[in-house]
Amino acid sequence: MMPTSPAYSAPSRWATFLEVRASWEALGLLGRLSDLRKAPRGDGRPLMLVPGFWADGYSMVPLRAFLRRLGYRVFDWGLGRNRGEVEEDIVALGGRVDEVFSVEGEPLTLIGWSLGGVLCREVARLQPDQVREVITFGTPVVGGPKYTALADWIVKRRQIDLPALEADILRRNRLGFKQPVTSVYSKADGIVGWTASLDTFNPQARNIEVKGSHLGFGVNPRVWLLIAETLASSPRSAAMSEAAAYGGPGGVGGGATARRCAGR
C-alpha cells in the first residue's frame, strides 16, 4: 500500500536564511574522509549528473570526482546552466541520454539535484529502456515551484499558471515509472519544502532523510555515501541484459551515434 500524501508547504523564511550554512557544510567532507574511502567500489556503469535550477555542471564537480574515483563512468548533462526551461530541457536531456546510451550500450543511472531531479524523473518515464535508475536530492516531486522558497519570484518572472502546472505535474506523477527511484530529502531544506520531495506515487520509491541544507546537498558526505550504497545494491548485469534485448547501440533501442560522447 502506498503511503498517504503528506501536507505540503514551502520552507519558512528562517529555514531559507539558514541556507547560508551550506558553505560550512562542505567542511564536513573532511571529517568523513575515512568513511568515504570505505564506500563500495563501482562497477563501471554509466551515470549522468543533472544540476539544479540556475546551476551548471560545475556544481556537481565534487560529486562527479567522487563517483569517478569509485570506478563509475560519469557524464555531465552537457546543457550548460539549468535555466528552468523544463519542457525544453526534458527534450534536450532525453536527447543527451539517447546519445550516451547509443555509445555505451546500456541504460544510464540519472542523478539529479533539485530541479535536475524533476528532469531525470521525466526522462526516466519517457525513455524507460535507456534509464536504469533515478536518484534525486532536494527535488520537488510535487507542485513544481509551489512549495519552494522561490515560488513567488518564479511565478512573477515566468507568468506561470501555478494551479494548472500543479495539476499537470500530478497527472504525470500518477503515470509513474518502473525504474528504481531514490529521493533524498532534508527536513532542514530551506529551498524546497521537504514533504514535497517525498515520492508517494511509485511503489518502488525509497524516501531517505539526511541532515543538511538544500544548497549543501552536493557536498553532503551522507548523500555521497547513500548514492554509492544505492548504486552498489543492484547488479549491473541485469541492466546490461535489458539493453541487449533492445538491440544496444544501433539496434532497436539505440541510435546510430558512432562517436564517443563528450562530458566524461
Protein backbone atom coordinates (compact mmCIF):
# COMPACT_ATOMS: atom_id res chain seq x y z
CA MET A 1 0.00 0.00 0.00
CA MET A 2 1.31 3.42 -0.94
CA PRO A 3 1.67 5.99 1.87
CA THR A 4 -0.90 8.78 2.01
CA SER A 5 0.11 12.16 0.63
CA PRO A 6 1.59 14.43 3.31
CA ALA A 7 0.67 18.06 3.90
CA TYR A 8 2.75 20.25 1.61
CA SER A 9 4.21 23.67 2.40
CA ALA A 10 7.14 25.86 1.40
CA PRO A 11 10.08 26.26 3.80
CA SER A 12 9.92 29.01 6.39
CA ARG A 13 11.88 32.20 5.83
CA TRP A 14 14.13 31.23 8.74
CA ALA A 15 14.92 27.89 7.09
CA THR A 16 15.76 29.72 3.88
CA PHE A 17 18.03 32.15 5.75
CA LEU A 18 19.88 29.20 7.30
CA GLU A 19 20.92 28.04 3.82
CA VAL A 20 23.98 30.26 4.36
CA ARG A 21 25.46 27.35 6.30
CA ALA A 22 25.94 25.35 3.08
CA SER A 23 29.49 26.63 2.66
CA TRP A 24 30.38 25.39 6.14
CA GLU A 25 28.79 22.01 5.45
CA ALA A 26 31.37 21.36 2.75
CA LEU A 27 33.93 21.11 5.55
CA GLY A 28 32.01 18.06 6.75
CA LEU A 29 33.63 16.11 3.92
CA LEU A 30 36.97 16.40 5.71
CA GLY A 31 35.54 14.79 8.80
CA ARG A 32 34.11 11.87 6.83
CA LEU A 33 37.10 11.08 4.62
CA SER A 34 37.66 7.71 6.27
CA ASP A 35 34.03 6.72 5.66
CA LEU A 36 34.14 7.96 2.06
CA ARG A 37 37.26 5.87 1.41
CA LYS A 38 35.28 2.81 2.51
CA ALA A 39 32.42 3.47 0.07
CA PRO A 40 31.66 0.43 -2.12
CA ARG A 41 33.58 0.38 -5.38
CA GLY A 42 31.73 0.98 -8.62
CA ASP A 43 31.22 -1.45 -11.47
CA GLY A 44 31.85 0.93 -14.35
CA ARG A 45 28.21 1.62 -15.22
CA PRO A 46 27.38 4.98 -16.86
CA LEU A 47 25.91 7.75 -14.73
CA MET A 48 24.69 11.21 -15.68
CA LEU A 49 24.59 14.16 -13.26
CA VAL A 50 21.95 16.88 -13.71
CA PRO A 51 22.29 20.19 -11.81
CA GLY A 52 19.60 22.20 -10.09
CA PHE A 53 17.94 25.48 -11.02
CA TRP A 54 20.37 28.16 -12.16
CA ALA A 55 23.34 25.85 -11.60
CA ASP A 56 25.55 24.16 -14.17
CA GLY A 57 27.80 21.14 -14.32
CA TYR A 58 30.42 22.79 -12.13
CA SER A 59 28.09 22.48 -9.14
CA MET A 60 28.36 18.69 -9.50
CA VAL A 61 32.16 18.54 -9.86
CA PRO A 62 32.90 17.32 -6.29
CA LEU A 63 30.32 14.53 -6.55
CA ARG A 64 31.46 13.67 -10.06
CA ALA A 65 35.06 13.32 -8.87
CA PHE A 66 33.98 11.06 -6.01
CA LEU A 67 31.94 8.77 -8.26
CA ARG A 68 34.73 8.57 -10.83
CA ARG A 69 37.16 7.56 -8.10
CA LEU A 70 34.77 4.75 -7.21
CA GLY A 71 35.02 3.50 -10.78
CA TYR A 72 31.88 4.79 -12.49
CA ARG A 73 31.74 6.40 -15.92
CA VAL A 74 30.23 9.78 -15.14
CA PHE A 75 28.75 12.11 -17.74
CA ASP A 76 27.76 15.76 -17.41
CA TRP A 77 24.30 16.65 -18.67
CA GLY A 78 26.03 18.82 -21.28
CA LEU A 79 23.37 21.56 -21.45
CA GLY A 80 25.14 24.33 -19.55
CA ARG A 81 23.19 26.29 -16.94
CA ASN A 82 19.82 24.95 -15.85
CA ARG A 83 17.63 27.96 -16.53
CA GLY A 84 14.38 26.29 -15.58
CA GLU A 85 13.02 25.80 -19.10
CA VAL A 86 11.57 22.49 -18.01
CA GLU A 87 9.76 21.27 -21.12
CA GLU A 88 12.66 22.18 -23.41
CA ASP A 89 15.17 20.68 -21.00
CA ILE A 90 13.28 17.39 -20.77
CA VAL A 91 13.58 17.04 -24.55
CA ALA A 92 17.25 18.11 -24.55
CA LEU A 93 18.19 15.84 -21.67
CA GLY A 94 16.36 12.99 -23.36
CA GLY A 95 18.48 13.55 -26.44
CA ARG A 96 21.64 13.58 -24.37
CA VAL A 97 20.64 10.32 -22.67
CA ASP A 98 19.92 8.75 -26.06
CA GLU A 99 23.34 9.88 -27.29
CA VAL A 100 25.22 8.34 -24.36
CA PHE A 101 23.09 5.18 -24.41
CA SER A 102 23.84 4.70 -28.09
CA VAL A 103 27.56 4.67 -27.38
CA GLU A 104 27.64 2.92 -24.01
CA GLY A 105 25.15 0.20 -24.91
CA GLU A 106 23.43 0.09 -21.53
CA PRO A 107 20.88 2.16 -19.59
CA LEU A 108 22.10 5.12 -17.55
CA THR A 109 21.55 5.98 -13.91
CA LEU A 110 20.37 9.59 -13.68
CA ILE A 111 21.31 11.60 -10.60
CA GLY A 112 19.62 14.98 -10.20
CA TRP A 113 19.81 17.83 -7.72
CA SER A 114 16.61 19.81 -7.05
CA LEU A 115 15.04 20.77 -10.42
CA GLY A 116 17.57 18.50 -12.09
CA GLY A 117 15.81 15.60 -10.39
CA VAL A 118 12.50 16.64 -11.95
CA LEU A 119 14.12 16.36 -15.38
CA CYS A 120 15.60 12.96 -14.50
CA ARG A 121 12.23 11.61 -13.42
CA GLU A 122 10.52 12.75 -16.61
CA VAL A 123 13.21 11.32 -18.89
CA ALA A 124 13.02 8.03 -16.98
CA ARG A 125 9.28 7.92 -17.62
CA LEU A 126 9.58 8.82 -21.29
CA GLN A 127 12.66 6.67 -22.09
CA PRO A 128 12.36 3.63 -19.82
CA ASP A 129 14.67 1.46 -21.91
CA GLN A 130 17.52 3.98 -21.64
CA VAL A 131 17.30 4.84 -17.93
CA ARG A 132 18.13 2.19 -15.39
CA GLU A 133 17.62 4.10 -12.13
CA VAL A 134 16.94 7.57 -10.75
CA ILE A 135 18.48 9.16 -7.67
CA THR A 136 17.44 12.68 -6.64
CA PHE A 137 18.19 15.01 -3.75
CA GLY A 138 16.16 18.04 -2.73
CA THR A 139 13.82 17.53 -5.68
CA PRO A 140 10.29 18.98 -5.67
CA VAL A 141 8.39 15.86 -6.71
CA VAL A 142 5.05 17.66 -6.42
CA GLY A 143 3.85 21.18 -7.09
CA GLY A 144 6.65 22.45 -9.31
CA PRO A 145 7.83 25.69 -7.67
CA LYS A 146 4.72 25.98 -5.47
CA TYR A 147 6.31 24.52 -2.33
CA THR A 148 9.67 26.20 -2.74
CA ALA A 149 11.21 29.41 -1.42
CA LEU A 150 11.34 30.70 -4.99
CA ALA A 151 7.63 30.30 -5.75
CA ASP A 152 6.63 33.98 -5.82
CA TRP A 153 9.70 35.01 -7.81
CA ILE A 154 9.27 32.27 -10.41
CA VAL A 155 5.53 32.82 -10.83
CA LYS A 156 6.01 36.56 -11.40
CA ARG A 157 9.01 36.17 -13.67
CA ARG A 158 7.59 33.33 -15.80
CA GLN A 159 3.90 34.25 -15.61
CA ILE A 160 3.09 30.68 -14.58
CA ASP A 161 -0.45 29.43 -14.00
CA LEU A 162 0.51 27.60 -10.80
CA PRO A 163 -2.73 25.60 -10.28
CA ALA A 164 -2.59 24.36 -13.88
CA LEU A 165 1.08 23.44 -13.52
CA GLU A 166 0.46 21.61 -10.27
CA ALA A 167 -2.37 19.64 -11.88
CA ASP A 168 -0.15 18.69 -14.83
CA ILE A 169 2.62 17.52 -12.50
CA LEU A 170 0.11 15.44 -10.55
CA ARG A 171 -1.07 13.85 -13.80
CA ARG A 172 2.50 12.95 -14.76
CA ASN A 173 3.26 11.59 -11.30
CA ARG A 174 0.23 9.35 -11.43
CA LEU A 175 1.57 7.82 -14.65
CA GLY A 176 4.61 6.73 -12.66
CA PHE A 177 7.64 4.89 -13.98
CA LYS A 178 9.07 1.42 -13.47
CA GLN A 179 12.73 2.06 -12.59
CA PRO A 180 14.13 2.12 -9.05
CA VAL A 181 13.98 5.63 -7.63
CA THR A 182 15.55 7.09 -4.51
CA SER A 183 14.53 10.52 -3.25
CA VAL A 184 16.88 12.04 -0.67
CA TYR A 185 15.44 14.89 1.39
CA SER A 186 16.24 17.02 4.43
CA LYS A 187 13.71 18.40 6.87
CA ALA A 188 16.04 21.40 7.21
CA ASP A 189 15.85 22.13 3.45
CA GLY A 190 15.38 25.88 3.11
CA ILE A 191 14.62 25.93 -0.62
CA VAL A 192 12.23 23.01 -1.23
CA GLY A 193 9.62 22.01 1.32
CA TRP A 194 10.73 18.57 2.45
CA THR A 195 7.31 16.92 2.18
CA ALA A 196 7.21 17.96 -1.49
CA SER A 197 10.34 15.83 -2.01
CA LEU A 198 8.60 12.62 -0.94
CA ASP A 199 7.68 10.22 -3.74
CA THR A 200 4.35 8.70 -2.73
CA PHE A 201 3.43 7.76 -6.30
CA ASN A 202 5.83 4.95 -7.21
CA PRO A 203 5.61 1.83 -5.03
CA GLN A 204 9.30 1.07 -5.58
CA ALA A 205 10.39 4.54 -4.42
CA ARG A 206 12.68 4.97 -1.42
CA ASN A 207 12.50 8.25 0.51
CA ILE A 208 15.59 8.75 2.64
CA GLU A 209 16.21 11.59 5.08
CA VAL A 210 19.57 13.22 5.65
CA LYS A 211 20.57 16.22 7.73
CA GLY A 212 21.73 19.38 5.99
CA SER A 213 20.80 22.29 3.78
CA HIS A 214 19.47 22.30 0.25
CA LEU A 215 22.46 24.16 -1.18
CA GLY A 216 24.78 21.74 0.60
CA PHE A 217 23.35 18.53 -0.86
CA GLY A 218 26.10 18.32 -3.47
CA VAL A 219 28.85 18.27 -0.83
CA ASN A 220 26.98 16.38 1.87
CA PRO A 221 29.03 13.25 2.76
CA ARG A 222 25.92 11.35 3.79
CA VAL A 223 24.38 11.99 0.37
CA TRP A 224 27.58 10.78 -1.32
CA LEU A 225 27.57 7.59 0.73
CA LEU A 226 23.87 7.00 0.07
CA ILE A 227 24.47 7.30 -3.66
CA ALA A 228 27.43 4.91 -3.51
CA GLU A 229 25.45 2.39 -1.46
CA THR A 230 22.41 2.66 -3.73
CA LEU A 231 24.48 2.09 -6.85
CA ALA A 232 26.23 -0.89 -5.28
CA SER A 233 22.97 -2.51 -4.18
CA SER A 234 21.84 -3.56 -7.67
CA PRO A 235 23.87 -5.67 -10.12
CA ARG A 236 24.91 -4.11 -13.39
CA SER A 237 24.40 -7.35 -15.31
CA ALA A 238 20.60 -7.14 -15.19
CA ALA A 239 20.54 -3.72 -16.84
CA MET A 240 23.03 -4.81 -19.50
CA SER A 241 20.85 -7.81 -20.34
CA GLU A 242 17.87 -5.50 -20.78
CA ALA A 243 19.87 -3.22 -23.06
CA ALA A 244 20.96 -6.17 -25.17
CA ALA A 245 17.33 -7.22 -25.56
CA TYR A 246 16.59 -3.83 -27.09
CA GLY A 247 19.48 -4.02 -29.50
CA GLY A 248 22.05 -1.81 -27.76
CA PRO A 249 23.92 0.72 -29.91
CA GLY A 250 22.46 0.89 -33.38
CA GLY A 251 19.73 -1.62 -32.51
CA VAL A 252 16.05 -1.13 -31.79
CA GLY A 253 16.63 0.76 -28.54
CA GLY A 254 19.67 2.79 -29.56
CA GLY A 255 20.52 5.36 -32.18
CA ALA A 256 23.33 5.19 -34.67
CA THR A 257 25.74 7.52 -32.93
CA ALA A 258 29.25 6.49 -33.94
CA ARG A 259 31.32 8.80 -31.76
CA ARG A 260 32.28 8.94 -28.11
CA CYS A 261 30.12 11.30 -26.11
CA ALA A 262 31.59 14.45 -24.68
CA GLY A 263 31.48 15.22 -20.98
CA ARG A 264 33.05 12.12 -19.46
